[in-house]
PDB file of N, CA and C in Angstrom:
ATOM      1  N   MET A   1     113.189  35.892-189.305  1.00  0.00           N
ATOM      2  CA  MET A   1     113.117  37.221-188.765  1.00  0.00           C
ATOM      3  C   MET A   1     114.289  38.062-189.275  1.00  0.00           C
ATOM      4  N   LYS A   2     113.978  39.317-189.432  1.00  0.00           N
ATOM      5  CA  LYS A   2     115.032  40.252-189.815  1.00  0.00           C
ATOM      6  C   LYS A   2     115.806  40.657-188.567  1.00  0.00           C
ATOM      7  N   SER A   3     117.101  40.935-188.763  1.00  0.00           N
ATOM      8  CA  SER A   3     117.890  41.386-187.609  1.00  0.00           C
ATOM      9  C   SER A   3     117.555  42.840-187.287  1.00  0.00           C
ATOM     10  N   GLN A   4     117.562  43.108-186.032  1.00  0.00           N
ATOM     11  CA  GLN A   4     117.215  44.456-185.613  1.00  0.00           C
ATOM     12  C   GLN A   4     118.401  45.388-185.794  1.00  0.00           C
ATOM     13  N   ARG A   5     118.084  46.637-186.063  1.00  0.00           N
ATOM     14  CA  ARG A   5     119.102  47.659-186.200  1.00  0.00           C
ATOM     15  C   ARG A   5     118.833  48.739-185.174  1.00  0.00           C
ATOM     16  N   GLY A   6     119.876  49.479-184.853  1.00  0.00           N
ATOM     17  CA  GLY A   6     119.671  50.588-183.941  1.00  0.00           C
ATOM     18  C   GLY A   6     120.625  50.535-182.774  1.00  0.00           C
ATOM     19  N   LEU A   7     120.382  51.408-181.878  1.00  0.00           N
ATOM     20  CA  LEU A   7     121.244  51.594-180.733  1.00  0.00           C
ATOM     21  C   LEU A   7     120.556  51.044-179.494  1.00  0.00           C
ATOM     22  N   SER A   8     121.300  50.289-178.722  1.00  0.00           N
ATOM     23  CA  SER A   8     120.715  49.773-177.482  1.00  0.00           C
ATOM     24  C   SER A   8     120.736  50.882-176.428  1.00  0.00           C
ATOM     25  N   LEU A   9     120.056  50.652-175.346  1.00  0.00           N
ATOM     26  CA  LEU A   9     119.997  51.639-174.273  1.00  0.00           C
ATOM     27  C   LEU A   9     121.377  51.867-173.663  1.00  0.00           C
ATOM     28  N   ILE A  10     122.157  50.828-173.507  1.00  0.00           N
ATOM     29  CA  ILE A  10     123.513  50.960-172.955  1.00  0.00           C
ATOM     30  C   ILE A  10     124.394  51.746-173.921  1.00  0.00           C
ATOM     31  N   GLY A  11     124.285  51.471-175.192  1.00  0.00           N
ATOM     32  CA  GLY A  11     125.042  52.221-176.185  1.00  0.00           C
ATOM     33  C   GLY A  11     124.675  53.695-176.186  1.00  0.00           C
ATOM     34  N   LEU A  12     123.387  53.968-176.067  1.00  0.00           N
ATOM     35  CA  LEU A  12     122.919  55.353-176.014  1.00  0.00           C
ATOM     36  C   LEU A  12     123.457  56.055-174.769  1.00  0.00           C
ATOM     37  N   MET A  13     123.469  55.358-173.642  1.00  0.00           N
ATOM     38  CA  MET A  13     123.989  55.949-172.414  1.00  0.00           C
ATOM     39  C   MET A  13     125.486  56.202-172.506  1.00  0.00           C
ATOM     40  N   LEU A  14     126.245  55.305-173.117  1.00  0.00           N
ATOM     41  CA  LEU A  14     127.688  55.500-173.290  1.00  0.00           C
ATOM     42  C   LEU A  14     127.981  56.684-174.200  1.00  0.00           C
ATOM     43  N   ILE A  15     127.253  56.806-175.279  1.00  0.00           N
ATOM     44  CA  ILE A  15     127.443  57.936-176.192  1.00  0.00           C
ATOM     45  C   ILE A  15     127.052  59.244-175.497  1.00  0.00           C
ATOM     46  N   GLY A  16     125.980  59.219-174.726  1.00  0.00           N
ATOM     47  CA  GLY A  16     125.578  60.411-173.979  1.00  0.00           C
ATOM     48  C   GLY A  16     126.623  60.818-172.950  1.00  0.00           C
ATOM     49  N   ALA A  17     127.193  59.849-172.251  1.00  0.00           N
ATOM     50  CA  ALA A  17     128.234  60.143-171.261  1.00  0.00           C
ATOM     51  C   ALA A  17     129.474  60.709-171.936  1.00  0.00           C
ATOM     52  N   LEU A  18     129.836  60.173-173.090  1.00  0.00           N
ATOM     53  CA  LEU A  18     130.996  60.673-173.831  1.00  0.00           C
ATOM     54  C   LEU A  18     130.769  62.115-174.285  1.00  0.00           C
ATOM     55  N   ILE A  19     129.601  62.396-174.805  1.00  0.00           N
ATOM     56  CA  ILE A  19     129.269  63.766-175.228  1.00  0.00           C
ATOM     57  C   ILE A  19     129.285  64.703-174.027  1.00  0.00           C
ATOM     58  N   PHE A  20     128.775  64.252-172.891  1.00  0.00           N
ATOM     59  CA  PHE A  20     128.769  65.054-171.675  1.00  0.00           C
ATOM     60  C   PHE A  20     130.195  65.370-171.219  1.00  0.00           C
ATOM     61  N   LEU A  21     131.084  64.385-171.215  1.00  0.00           N
ATOM     62  CA  LEU A  21     132.466  64.605-170.803  1.00  0.00           C
ATOM     63  C   LEU A  21     133.195  65.567-171.737  1.00  0.00           C
ATOM     64  N   VAL A  22     132.976  65.424-173.030  1.00  0.00           N
ATOM     65  CA  VAL A  22     133.609  66.336-173.994  1.00  0.00           C
ATOM     66  C   VAL A  22     133.085  67.764-173.807  1.00  0.00           C
ATOM     67  N   ALA A  23     131.804  67.912-173.536  1.00  0.00           N
ATOM     68  CA  ALA A  23     131.229  69.239-173.313  1.00  0.00           C
ATOM     69  C   ALA A  23     131.788  69.877-172.041  1.00  0.00           C
ATOM     70  N   ILE A  24     131.907  69.113-170.977  1.00  0.00           N
ATOM     71  CA  ILE A  24     132.462  69.631-169.728  1.00  0.00           C
ATOM     72  C   ILE A  24     133.919  70.029-169.928  1.00  0.00           C
ATOM     73  N   LEU A  25     134.688  69.204-170.600  1.00  0.00           N
ATOM     74  CA  LEU A  25     136.093  69.509-170.870  1.00  0.00           C
ATOM     75  C   LEU A  25     136.213  70.782-171.703  1.00  0.00           C
ATOM     76  N   GLY A  26     135.373  70.925-172.704  1.00  0.00           N
ATOM     77  CA  GLY A  26     135.390  72.131-173.533  1.00  0.00           C
ATOM     78  C   GLY A  26     135.032  73.376-172.747  1.00  0.00           C
ATOM     79  N   MET A  27     134.044  73.275-171.870  1.00  0.00           N
ATOM     80  CA  MET A  27     133.643  74.445-171.077  1.00  0.00           C
ATOM     81  C   MET A  27     134.725  74.839-170.072  1.00  0.00           C
ATOM     82  N   LYS A  28     135.512  73.886-169.600  1.00  0.00           N
ATOM     83  CA  LYS A  28     136.591  74.216-168.671  1.00  0.00           C
ATOM     84  C   LYS A  28     137.799  74.803-169.391  1.00  0.00           C
ATOM     85  N   CYS A  29     138.068  74.378-170.621  1.00  0.00           N
ATOM     86  CA  CYS A  29     139.247  74.825-171.360  1.00  0.00           C
ATOM     87  C   CYS A  29     139.019  76.124-172.129  1.00  0.00           C
ATOM     88  N   LEU A  30     137.813  76.420-172.491  1.00  0.00           N
ATOM     89  CA  LEU A  30     137.523  77.603-173.303  1.00  0.00           C
ATOM     90  C   LEU A  30     137.987  78.909-172.665  1.00  0.00           C
ATOM     91  N   PRO A  31     137.792  79.157-171.368  1.00  0.00           N
ATOM     92  CA  PRO A  31     138.266  80.422-170.787  1.00  0.00           C
ATOM     93  C   PRO A  31     139.781  80.619-170.880  1.00  0.00           C
ATOM     94  N   ALA A  32     140.556  79.544-170.784  1.00  0.00           N
ATOM     95  CA  ALA A  32     142.011  79.660-170.896  1.00  0.00           C
ATOM     96  C   ALA A  32     142.401  80.130-172.294  1.00  0.00           C
ATOM     97  N   TYR A  33     141.755  79.590-173.318  1.00  0.00           N
ATOM     98  CA  TYR A  33     142.060  80.009-174.684  1.00  0.00           C
ATOM     99  C   TYR A  33     141.543  81.415-174.975  1.00  0.00           C
ATOM    100  N   MET A  34     140.416  81.767-174.416  1.00  0.00           N
ATOM    101  CA  MET A  34     139.904  83.125-174.603  1.00  0.00           C
ATOM    102  C   MET A  34     140.853  84.142-173.972  1.00  0.00           C
ATOM    103  N   GLU A  35     141.399  83.809-172.804  1.00  0.00           N
ATOM    104  CA  GLU A  35     142.364  84.703-172.164  1.00  0.00           C
ATOM    105  C   GLU A  35     143.638  84.814-173.002  1.00  0.00           C
ATOM    106  N   TYR A  36     144.103  83.703-173.578  1.00  0.00           N
ATOM    107  CA  TYR A  36     145.284  83.738-174.435  1.00  0.00           C
ATOM    108  C   TYR A  36     145.063  84.651-175.639  1.00  0.00           C
ATOM    109  N   PHE A  37     143.905  84.553-176.278  1.00  0.00           N
ATOM    110  CA  PHE A  37     143.635  85.404-177.432  1.00  0.00           C
ATOM    111  C   PHE A  37     143.542  86.875-177.021  1.00  0.00           C
ATOM    112  N   ALA A  38     143.042  87.159-175.817  1.00  0.00           N
ATOM    113  CA  ALA A  38     142.998  88.535-175.322  1.00  0.00           C
ATOM    114  C   ALA A  38     144.410  89.053-175.049  1.00  0.00           C
ATOM    115  N   VAL A  39     145.275  88.238-174.482  1.00  0.00           N
ATOM    116  CA  VAL A  39     146.673  88.633-174.251  1.00  0.00           C
ATOM    117  C   VAL A  39     147.352  88.930-175.575  1.00  0.00           C
ATOM    118  N   SER A  40     147.178  88.037-176.531  1.00  0.00           N
ATOM    119  CA  SER A  40     147.792  88.223-177.845  1.00  0.00           C
ATOM    120  C   SER A  40     147.295  89.501-178.519  1.00  0.00           C
ATOM    121  N   ARG A  41     146.002  89.755-178.452  1.00  0.00           N
ATOM    122  CA  ARG A  41     145.433  90.969-179.051  1.00  0.00           C
ATOM    123  C   ARG A  41     145.967  92.222-178.356  1.00  0.00           C
ATOM    124  N   ASN A  42     146.074  92.190-177.036  1.00  0.00           N
ATOM    125  CA  ASN A  42     146.584  93.346-176.306  1.00  0.00           C
ATOM    126  C   ASN A  42     148.048  93.617-176.628  1.00  0.00           C
ATOM    127  N   LEU A  43     148.852  92.579-176.805  1.00  0.00           N
ATOM    128  CA  LEU A  43     150.244  92.776-177.190  1.00  0.00           C
ATOM    129  C   LEU A  43     150.338  93.435-178.564  1.00  0.00           C
ATOM    130  N   LYS A  44     149.526  92.975-179.493  1.00  0.00           N
ATOM    131  CA  LYS A  44     149.528  93.568-180.836  1.00  0.00           C
ATOM    132  C   LYS A  44     149.070  95.020-180.799  1.00  0.00           C
ATOM    133  N   ASP A  45     148.078  95.320-179.975  1.00  0.00           N
ATOM    134  CA  ASP A  45     147.608  96.703-179.843  1.00  0.00           C
ATOM    135  C   ASP A  45     148.679  97.598-179.229  1.00  0.00           C
ATOM    136  N   LEU A  46     149.401  97.093-178.235  1.00  0.00           N
ATOM    137  CA  LEU A  46     150.468  97.873-177.621  1.00  0.00           C
ATOM    138  C   LEU A  46     151.592  98.170-178.601  1.00  0.00           C
ATOM    139  N   VAL A  47     151.945  97.188-179.405  1.00  0.00           N
ATOM    140  CA  VAL A  47     153.007  97.394-180.391  1.00  0.00           C
ATOM    141  C   VAL A  47     152.558  98.383-181.465  1.00  0.00           C
ATOM    142  N   ALA A  48     151.301  98.303-181.859  1.00  0.00           N
ATOM    143  CA  ALA A  48     150.796  99.184-182.909  1.00  0.00           C
ATOM    144  C   ALA A  48     150.653 100.626-182.429  1.00  0.00           C
ATOM    145  N   SER A  49     150.346 100.829-181.151  1.00  0.00           N
ATOM    146  CA  SER A  49     150.194 102.197-180.647  1.00  0.00           C
ATOM    147  C   SER A  49     151.568 102.792-180.400  1.00  0.00           C
ATOM    148  N   ARG A  50     151.722 104.007-180.774  1.00  0.00           N
ATOM    149  CA  ARG A  50     153.022 104.669-180.635  1.00  0.00           C
ATOM    150  C   ARG A  50     153.101 105.498-179.359  1.00  0.00           C
ATOM    151  N   GLU A  51     152.082 105.429-178.513  1.00  0.00           N
ATOM    152  CA  GLU A  51     152.037 106.278-177.328  1.00  0.00           C
ATOM    153  C   GLU A  51     152.988 105.822-176.228  1.00  0.00           C
ATOM    154  N   ALA A  52     153.272 104.521-176.135  1.00  0.00           N
ATOM    155  CA  ALA A  52     154.141 104.007-175.082  1.00  0.00           C
ATOM    156  C   ALA A  52     155.587 104.077-175.539  1.00  0.00           C
ATOM    157  N   SER A  53     156.389 104.848-174.800  1.00  0.00           N
ATOM    158  CA  SER A  53     157.776 105.022-175.223  1.00  0.00           C
ATOM    159  C   SER A  53     158.767 104.317-174.305  1.00  0.00           C
ATOM    160  N   SER A  54     158.433 104.128-173.040  1.00  0.00           N
ATOM    161  CA  SER A  54     159.350 103.456-172.129  1.00  0.00           C
ATOM    162  C   SER A  54     158.795 102.088-171.734  1.00  0.00           C
ATOM    163  N   VAL A  55     159.652 101.292-171.146  1.00  0.00           N
ATOM    164  CA  VAL A  55     159.257  99.947-170.716  1.00  0.00           C
ATOM    165  C   VAL A  55     158.159 100.043-169.659  1.00  0.00           C
ATOM    166  N   ARG A  56     158.305 100.968-168.729  1.00  0.00           N
ATOM    167  CA  ARG A  56     157.301 101.116-167.662  1.00  0.00           C
ATOM    168  C   ARG A  56     155.944 101.533-168.226  1.00  0.00           C
ATOM    169  N   GLU A  57     155.932 102.407-169.236  1.00  0.00           N
ATOM    170  CA  GLU A  57     154.670 102.819-169.859  1.00  0.00           C
ATOM    171  C   GLU A  57     154.007 101.656-170.587  1.00  0.00           C
ATOM    172  N   ILE A  58     154.811 100.805-171.206  1.00  0.00           N
ATOM    173  CA  ILE A  58     154.267  99.629-171.890  1.00  0.00           C
ATOM    174  C   ILE A  58     153.656  98.671-170.868  1.00  0.00           C
ATOM    175  N   GLN A  59     154.356  98.442-169.772  1.00  0.00           N
ATOM    176  CA  GLN A  59     153.835  97.565-168.723  1.00  0.00           C
ATOM    177  C   GLN A  59     152.552  98.124-168.120  1.00  0.00           C
ATOM    178  N   SER A  60     152.541  99.424-167.873  1.00  0.00           N
ATOM    179  CA  SER A  60     151.343 100.062-167.319  1.00  0.00           C
ATOM    180  C   SER A  60     150.178  99.991-168.302  1.00  0.00           C
ATOM    181  N   GLY A  61     150.474 100.212-169.585  1.00  0.00           N
ATOM    182  CA  GLY A  61     149.429 100.110-170.609  1.00  0.00           C
ATOM    183  C   GLY A  61     148.846  98.713-170.695  1.00  0.00           C
ATOM    184  N   PHE A  62     149.717  97.702-170.577  1.00  0.00           N
ATOM    185  CA  PHE A  62     149.217  96.324-170.596  1.00  0.00           C
ATOM    186  C   PHE A  62     148.349  96.043-169.377  1.00  0.00           C
ATOM    187  N   ASP A  63     148.784  96.522-168.209  1.00  0.00           N
ATOM    188  CA  ASP A  63     147.996  96.298-166.990  1.00  0.00           C
ATOM    189  C   ASP A  63     146.610  96.917-167.100  1.00  0.00           C
ATOM    190  N   LYS A  64     146.512  98.102-167.687  1.00  0.00           N
ATOM    191  CA  LYS A  64     145.205  98.744-167.868  1.00  0.00           C
ATOM    192  C   LYS A  64     144.325  97.942-168.815  1.00  0.00           C
ATOM    193  N   ARG A  65     144.901  97.480-169.912  1.00  0.00           N
ATOM    194  CA  ARG A  65     144.138  96.677-170.876  1.00  0.00           C
ATOM    195  C   ARG A  65     143.747  95.324-170.278  1.00  0.00           C
ATOM    196  N   ALA A  66     144.645  94.749-169.469  1.00  0.00           N
ATOM    197  CA  ALA A  66     144.370  93.451-168.846  1.00  0.00           C
ATOM    198  C   ALA A  66     143.228  93.563-167.846  1.00  0.00           C
ATOM    199  N   GLN A  67     143.150  94.686-167.160  1.00  0.00           N
ATOM    200  CA  GLN A  67     142.065  94.875-166.209  1.00  0.00           C
ATOM    201  C   GLN A  67     140.725  94.956-166.934  1.00  0.00           C
ATOM    202  N   ILE A  68     140.703  95.590-168.085  1.00  0.00           N
ATOM    203  CA  ILE A  68     139.474  95.704-168.864  1.00  0.00           C
ATOM    204  C   ILE A  68     139.055  94.342-169.415  1.00  0.00           C
ATOM    205  N   ASP A  69     140.024  93.575-169.912  1.00  0.00           N
ATOM    206  CA  ASP A  69     139.732  92.274-170.528  1.00  0.00           C
ATOM    207  C   ASP A  69     139.707  91.124-169.532  1.00  0.00           C
ATOM    208  N   ASP A  70     139.863  91.411-168.245  1.00  0.00           N
ATOM    209  CA  ASP A  70     139.840  90.404-167.186  1.00  0.00           C
ATOM    210  C   ASP A  70     140.913  89.335-167.400  1.00  0.00           C
ATOM    211  N   ILE A  71     142.139  89.786-167.657  1.00  0.00           N
ATOM    212  CA  ILE A  71     143.289  88.891-167.798  1.00  0.00           C
ATOM    213  C   ILE A  71     143.945  88.782-166.433  1.00  0.00           C
ATOM    214  N   THR A  72     144.004  87.574-165.890  1.00  0.00           N
ATOM    215  CA  THR A  72     144.557  87.385-164.553  1.00  0.00           C
ATOM    216  C   THR A  72     145.862  86.587-164.544  1.00  0.00           C
ATOM    217  N   SER A  73     146.191  85.908-165.623  1.00  0.00           N
ATOM    218  CA  SER A  73     147.375  85.058-165.646  1.00  0.00           C
ATOM    219  C   SER A  73     148.658  85.816-165.936  1.00  0.00           C
ATOM    220  N   VAL A  74     148.559  86.979-166.547  1.00  0.00           N
ATOM    221  CA  VAL A  74     149.727  87.742-166.972  1.00  0.00           C
ATOM    222  C   VAL A  74     149.596  89.170-166.470  1.00  0.00           C
ATOM    223  N   GLN A  75     150.710  89.724-166.013  1.00  0.00           N
ATOM    224  CA  GLN A  75     150.761  91.122-165.608  1.00  0.00           C
ATOM    225  C   GLN A  75     151.831  91.835-166.417  1.00  0.00           C
ATOM    226  N   GLY A  76     151.846  93.141-166.318  1.00  0.00           N
ATOM    227  CA  GLY A  76     152.801  93.933-167.082  1.00  0.00           C
ATOM    228  C   GLY A  76     154.243  93.596-166.766  1.00  0.00           C
ATOM    229  N   ARG A  77     154.518  93.246-165.522  1.00  0.00           N
ATOM    230  CA  ARG A  77     155.901  92.925-165.152  1.00  0.00           C
ATOM    231  C   ARG A  77     156.363  91.583-165.727  1.00  0.00           C
ATOM    232  N   ASP A  78     155.442  90.759-166.231  1.00  0.00           N
ATOM    233  CA  ASP A  78     155.792  89.473-166.832  1.00  0.00           C
ATOM    234  C   ASP A  78     156.221  89.605-168.296  1.00  0.00           C
ATOM    235  N   LEU A  79     156.009  90.762-168.890  1.00  0.00           N
ATOM    236  CA  LEU A  79     156.311  90.948-170.308  1.00  0.00           C
ATOM    237  C   LEU A  79     157.814  91.033-170.537  1.00  0.00           C
ATOM    238  N   GLU A  80     158.260  90.446-171.630  1.00  0.00           N
ATOM    239  CA  GLU A  80     159.648  90.570-172.069  1.00  0.00           C
ATOM    240  C   GLU A  80     159.658  91.606-173.188  1.00  0.00           C
ATOM    241  N   ILE A  81     160.200  92.774-172.906  1.00  0.00           N
ATOM    242  CA  ILE A  81     160.143  93.903-173.828  1.00  0.00           C
ATOM    243  C   ILE A  81     161.547  94.190-174.336  1.00  0.00           C
ATOM    244  N   ASP A  82     161.704  94.200-175.664  1.00  0.00           N
ATOM    245  CA  ASP A  82     162.975  94.538-176.297  1.00  0.00           C
ATOM    246  C   ASP A  82     162.764  95.742-177.194  1.00  0.00           C
ATOM    247  N   LYS A  83     163.461  96.834-176.877  1.00  0.00           N
ATOM    248  CA  LYS A  83     163.395  98.041-177.692  1.00  0.00           C
ATOM    249  C   LYS A  83     164.773  98.292-178.271  1.00  0.00           C
ATOM    250  N   ASP A  84     164.805  98.522-179.571  1.00  0.00           N
ATOM    251  CA  ASP A  84     166.065  98.850-180.236  1.00  0.00           C
ATOM    252  C   ASP A  84     165.753  99.856-181.336  1.00  0.00           C
ATOM    253  N   GLY A  85     165.965 101.122-181.058  1.00  0.00           N
ATOM    254  CA  GLY A  85     165.645 102.162-182.029  1.00  0.00           C
ATOM    255  C   GLY A  85     164.147 102.251-182.238  1.00  0.00           C
ATOM    256  N   ASN A  86     163.712 102.044-183.479  1.00  0.00           N
ATOM    257  CA  ASN A  86     162.288 102.091-183.804  1.00  0.00           C
ATOM    258  C   ASN A  86     161.611 100.731-183.688  1.00  0.00           C
ATOM    259  N   SER A  87     162.394  99.679-183.500  1.00  0.00           N
ATOM    260  CA  SER A  87     161.786  98.346-183.405  1.00  0.00           C
ATOM    261  C   SER A  87     161.407  98.051-181.957  1.00  0.00           C
ATOM    262  N   LEU A  88     160.295  97.373-181.808  1.00  0.00           N
ATOM    263  CA  LEU A  88     159.775  97.005-180.491  1.00  0.00           C
ATOM    264  C   LEU A  88     159.266  95.575-180.559  1.00  0.00           C
ATOM    265  N   SER A  89     159.662  94.786-179.590  1.00  0.00           N
ATOM    266  CA  SER A  89     159.222  93.398-179.515  1.00  0.00           C
ATOM    267  C   SER A  89     158.729  93.123-178.102  1.00  0.00           C
ATOM    268  N   ILE A  90     157.517  92.588-177.999  1.00  0.00           N
ATOM    269  CA  ILE A  90     156.939  92.236-176.708  1.00  0.00           C
ATOM    270  C   ILE A  90     156.538  90.768-176.766  1.00  0.00           C
ATOM    271  N   ALA A  91     156.971  90.018-175.766  1.00  0.00           N
ATOM    272  CA  ALA A  91     156.647  88.587-175.706  1.00  0.00           C
ATOM    273  C   ALA A  91     156.314  88.201-174.270  1.00  0.00           C
ATOM    274  N   VAL A  92     155.533  87.162-174.139  1.00  0.00           N
ATOM    275  CA  VAL A  92     155.209  86.628-172.821  1.00  0.00           C
ATOM    276  C   VAL A  92     154.974  85.124-172.947  1.00  0.00           C
ATOM    277  N   SER A  93     155.460  84.404-171.954  1.00  0.00           N
ATOM    278  CA  SER A  93     155.223  82.960-171.857  1.00  0.00           C
ATOM    279  C   SER A  93     154.633  82.694-170.483  1.00  0.00           C
ATOM    280  N   TYR A  94     153.575  81.923-170.458  1.00  0.00           N
ATOM    281  CA  TYR A  94     152.945  81.630-169.175  1.00  0.00           C
ATOM    282  C   TYR A  94     152.219  80.300-169.230  1.00  0.00           C
ATOM    283  N   GLU A  95     151.939  79.794-168.040  1.00  0.00           N
ATOM    284  CA  GLU A  95     151.217  78.537-167.904  1.00  0.00           C
ATOM    285  C   GLU A  95     149.892  78.791-167.207  1.00  0.00           C
ATOM    286  N   ARG A  96     148.914  78.018-167.588  1.00  0.00           N
ATOM    287  CA  ARG A  96     147.589  78.128-166.965  1.00  0.00           C
ATOM    288  C   ARG A  96     147.127  76.731-166.591  1.00  0.00           C
ATOM    289  N   ARG A  97     146.832  76.536-165.322  1.00  0.00           N
ATOM    290  CA  ARG A  97     146.377  75.242-164.825  1.00  0.00           C
ATOM    291  C   ARG A  97     144.855  75.276-164.693  1.00  0.00           C
ATOM    292  N   VAL A  98     144.194  74.281-165.286  1.00  0.00           N
ATOM    293  CA  VAL A  98     142.739  74.183-165.244  1.00  0.00           C
ATOM    294  C   VAL A  98     142.371  72.913-164.483  1.00  0.00           C
ATOM    295  N   PRO A  99     141.799  73.050-163.277  1.00  0.00           N
ATOM    296  CA  PRO A  99     141.423  71.859-162.518  1.00  0.00           C
ATOM    297  C   PRO A  99     140.192  71.182-163.129  1.00  0.00           C
ATOM    298  N   LEU A 100     140.259  69.862-163.261  1.00  0.00           N
ATOM    299  CA  LEU A 100     139.124  69.108-163.792  1.00  0.00           C
ATOM    300  C   LEU A 100     138.293  68.531-162.653  1.00  0.00           C
ATOM    301  N   PHE A 101     138.883  67.656-161.868  1.00  0.00           N
ATOM    302  CA  PHE A 101     138.219  67.078-160.707  1.00  0.00           C
ATOM    303  C   PHE A 101     139.286  66.492-159.794  1.00  0.00           C
ATOM    304  N   ASN A 102     139.016  66.480-158.505  1.00  0.00           N
ATOM    305  CA  ASN A 102     139.909  65.977-157.461  1.00  0.00           C
ATOM    306  C   ASN A 102     141.361  66.384-157.706  1.00  0.00           C
ATOM    307  N   HIS A 103     142.205  65.439-158.030  1.00  0.00           N
ATOM    308  CA  HIS A 103     143.634  65.701-158.208  1.00  0.00           C
ATOM    309  C   HIS A 103     144.041  65.707-159.674  1.00  0.00           C
ATOM    310  N   VAL A 104     143.101  65.902-160.548  1.00  0.00           N
ATOM    311  CA  VAL A 104     143.379  65.894-161.976  1.00  0.00           C
ATOM    312  C   VAL A 104     143.183  67.296-162.526  1.00  0.00           C
ATOM    313  N   SER A 105     144.196  67.781-163.241  1.00  0.00           N
ATOM    314  CA  SER A 105     144.087  69.097-163.858  1.00  0.00           C
ATOM    315  C   SER A 105     144.841  69.092-165.180  1.00  0.00           C
ATOM    316  N   LEU A 106     144.528  70.073-165.998  1.00  0.00           N
ATOM    317  CA  LEU A 106     145.205  70.255-167.277  1.00  0.00           C
ATOM    318  C   LEU A 106     146.156  71.431-167.156  1.00  0.00           C
ATOM    319  N   LEU A 107     147.316  71.344-167.783  1.00  0.00           N
ATOM    320  CA  LEU A 107     148.287  72.424-167.773  1.00  0.00           C
ATOM    321  C   LEU A 107     148.484  72.904-169.203  1.00  0.00           C
ATOM    322  N   PHE A 108     148.184  74.175-169.436  1.00  0.00           N
ATOM    323  CA  PHE A 108     148.358  74.778-170.751  1.00  0.00           C
ATOM    324  C   PHE A 108     149.575  75.692-170.710  1.00  0.00           C
ATOM    325  N   THR A 109     150.413  75.649-171.722  1.00  0.00           N
ATOM    326  CA  THR A 109     151.552  76.541-171.852  1.00  0.00           C
ATOM    327  C   THR A 109     151.303  77.434-173.054  1.00  0.00           C
ATOM    328  N   PHE A 110     151.290  78.748-172.818  1.00  0.00           N
ATOM    329  CA  PHE A 110     150.997  79.707-173.875  1.00  0.00           C
ATOM    330  C   PHE A 110     152.202  80.604-174.119  1.00  0.00           C
ATOM    331  N   ASP A 111     152.452  80.926-175.370  1.00  0.00           N
ATOM    332  CA  ASP A 111     153.476  81.883-175.780  1.00  0.00           C
ATOM    333  C   ASP A 111     152.825  82.874-176.725  1.00  0.00           C
ATOM    334  N   ALA A 112     152.898  84.150-176.383  1.00  0.00           N
ATOM    335  CA  ALA A 112     152.334  85.197-177.237  1.00  0.00           C
ATOM    336  C   ALA A 112     153.413  86.235-177.474  1.00  0.00           C
ATOM    337  N   SER A 113     153.432  86.800-178.669  1.00  0.00           N
ATOM    338  CA  SER A 113     154.408  87.836-178.978  1.00  0.00           C
ATOM    339  C   SER A 113     153.880  88.750-180.064  1.00  0.00           C
ATOM    340  N   ALA A 114     154.450  89.936-180.108  1.00  0.00           N
ATOM    341  CA  ALA A 114     154.132  90.904-181.150  1.00  0.00           C
ATOM    342  C   ALA A 114     155.351  91.782-181.348  1.00  0.00           C
ATOM    343  N   GLU A 115     155.559  92.220-182.567  1.00  0.00           N
ATOM    344  CA  GLU A 115     156.696  93.084-182.828  1.00  0.00           C
ATOM    345  C   GLU A 115     156.391  94.084-183.919  1.00  0.00           C
ATOM    346  N   ARG A 116     157.140  95.169-183.840  1.00  0.00           N
ATOM    347  CA  ARG A 116     156.996  96.254-184.841  1.00  0.00           C
ATOM    348  C   ARG A 116     158.325  96.444-185.496  1.00  0.00           C
TER     349      ARG A 116
END
């Protein structure tokens, strides 16, 4: 007799469970990264626009953009703003906790910055 080839039912179930876990993990982590990219884009837009001249105007501008993009982890008061003459630097560091199940969660640390 020839030896059989293929996947057993248990092997198929293990591979299916692994794919399911990776998909669930990806769906839970994706919003955190999407928010980070929105924060980074908003910082670059603020630096590129010349309309904000004071620190308070920059913070207010970020808050308005954050409300539109549904950014909840960072607020305008969290920004580190350095102005020196014509140069402007805006940076923010924040953490985002993503609960997986029961007492297990993932902690992401993000750093975004933009300068002119």
